[in-house]
Amino acid sequence: MNRERTSDAAEAARHARYGKLPDRIRFEDMTEEVEAEQGGGGNSHSPEGSWKYYSCLALDLGL
């Protein structure tokens, strides 16, 4: 398993074409903790208003 070292010219050409890889991002920097709102907010389920969003394939086809 002898791997030949790439030539400096090939390495320079690759670096000129693709540039440098971005720095690694730590896992702690990828996540953000946010406190949840109390009281339901705007995404709560409303049984009275749920009929507006009902979908039925038979009704859509006119059957």
C-alpha atoms as a PDB file:
ATOM      1  CA  MET A   1       0.000   0.000   0.000  1.00  0.00           C
ATOM      2  CA  ASN A   2       2.512   2.542  -1.082  1.00  0.00           C
ATOM      3  CA  ARG A   3       0.777   5.759  -1.870  1.00  0.00           C
ATOM      4  CA  GLU A   4       2.773   8.270  -3.791  1.00  0.00           C
ATOM      5  CA  ARG A   5       2.789  11.809  -2.521  1.00  0.00           C
ATOM      6  CA  THR A   6       0.968  14.089  -4.936  1.00  0.00           C
ATOM      7  CA  SER A   7       3.159  16.607  -6.635  1.00  0.00           C
ATOM      8  CA  ASP A   8       3.253  20.167  -5.414  1.00  0.00           C
ATOM      9  CA  ALA A   9       1.938  21.368  -8.775  1.00  0.00           C
ATOM     10  CA  ALA A  10      -1.134  19.135  -8.504  1.00  0.00           C
ATOM     11  CA  GLU A  11      -1.685  20.232  -4.927  1.00  0.00           C
ATOM     12  CA  ALA A  12      -1.380  23.903  -5.887  1.00  0.00           C
ATOM     13  CA  ALA A  13      -3.794  23.457  -8.796  1.00  0.00           C
ATOM     14  CA  ARG A  14      -6.326  21.720  -6.546  1.00  0.00           C
ATOM     15  CA  HIS A  15      -6.000  24.455  -3.926  1.00  0.00           C
ATOM     16  CA  ALA A  16      -6.437  27.160  -6.583  1.00  0.00           C
ATOM     17  CA  ARG A  17      -9.573  25.474  -7.910  1.00  0.00           C
ATOM     18  CA  TYR A  18     -11.305  24.466  -4.678  1.00  0.00           C
ATOM     19  CA  GLY A  19      -9.710  26.688  -2.086  1.00  0.00           C
ATOM     20  CA  LYS A  20      -9.624  25.834   1.576  1.00  0.00           C
ATOM     21  CA  LEU A  21     -12.112  23.700   3.456  1.00  0.00           C
ATOM     22  CA  PRO A  22     -14.258  25.585   5.956  1.00  0.00           C
ATOM     23  CA  ASP A  23     -13.417  25.254   9.627  1.00  0.00           C
ATOM     24  CA  ARG A  24     -15.231  22.561  11.570  1.00  0.00           C
ATOM     25  CA  ILE A  25     -18.310  23.617  13.515  1.00  0.00           C
ATOM     26  CA  ARG A  26     -18.610  22.316  17.053  1.00  0.00           C
ATOM     27  CA  PHE A  27     -21.842  20.560  18.016  1.00  0.00           C
ATOM     28  CA  GLU A  28     -22.466  23.135  20.743  1.00  0.00           C
ATOM     29  CA  ASP A  29     -22.460  25.859  18.079  1.00  0.00           C
ATOM     30  CA  MET A  30     -25.036  23.997  15.946  1.00  0.00           C
ATOM     31  CA  THR A  31     -27.711  23.780  18.614  1.00  0.00           C
ATOM     32  CA  GLU A  32     -29.626  26.480  20.405  1.00  0.00           C
ATOM     33  CA  GLU A  33     -31.753  26.068  23.473  1.00  0.00           C
ATOM     34  CA  VAL A  34     -34.873  28.202  23.573  1.00  0.00           C
ATOM     35  CA  GLU A  35     -37.371  28.289  26.397  1.00  0.00           C
ATOM     36  CA  ALA A  36     -40.849  27.172  25.335  1.00  0.00           C
ATOM     37  CA  GLU A  37     -43.717  29.600  25.664  1.00  0.00           C
ATOM     38  CA  GLN A  38     -46.338  28.863  28.287  1.00  0.00           C
ATOM     39  CA  GLY A  39     -50.029  29.060  27.471  1.00  0.00           C
ATOM     40  CA  GLY A  40     -50.187  27.408  24.064  1.00  0.00           C
ATOM     41  CA  GLY A  41     -49.055  30.207  21.797  1.00  0.00           C
ATOM     42  CA  GLY A  42     -50.433  30.360  18.256  1.00  0.00           C
ATOM     43  CA  ASN A  43     -50.009  26.685  17.329  1.00  0.00           C
ATOM     44  CA  SER A  44     -52.512  25.182  19.739  1.00  0.00           C
ATOM     45  CA  HIS A  45     -55.222  22.800  18.530  1.00  0.00           C
ATOM     46  CA  SER A  46     -58.702  24.268  18.326  1.00  0.00           C
ATOM     47  CA  PRO A  47     -61.480  21.664  17.938  1.00  0.00           C
ATOM     48  CA  GLU A  48     -63.972  24.351  16.869  1.00  0.00           C
ATOM     49  CA  GLY A  49     -61.782  25.516  14.006  1.00  0.00           C
ATOM     50  CA  SER A  50     -60.495  22.128  12.882  1.00  0.00           C
ATOM     51  CA  TRP A  51     -63.390  21.589  10.434  1.00  0.00           C
ATOM     52  CA  LYS A  52     -61.907  24.311   8.205  1.00  0.00           C
ATOM     53  CA  TYR A  53     -58.872  22.150   7.448  1.00  0.00           C
ATOM     54  CA  TYR A  54     -60.634  18.816   6.969  1.00  0.00           C
ATOM     55  CA  SER A  55     -59.739  17.074   3.738  1.00  0.00           C
ATOM     56  CA  CYS A  56     -61.562  14.115   2.250  1.00  0.00           C
ATOM     57  CA  LEU A  57     -60.524  12.454  -1.002  1.00  0.00           C
ATOM     58  CA  ALA A  58     -64.119  11.490  -1.838  1.00  0.00           C
ATOM     59  CA  LEU A  59     -65.260  15.111  -1.490  1.00  0.00           C
ATOM     60  CA  ASP A  60     -62.262  16.333  -3.509  1.00  0.00           C
ATOM     61  CA  LEU A  61     -63.206  13.952  -6.348  1.00  0.00           C
ATOM     62  CA  GLY A  62     -66.873  14.976  -6.192  1.00  0.00           C
ATOM     63  CA  LEU A  63     -68.122  11.531  -5.204  1.00  0.00           C
END
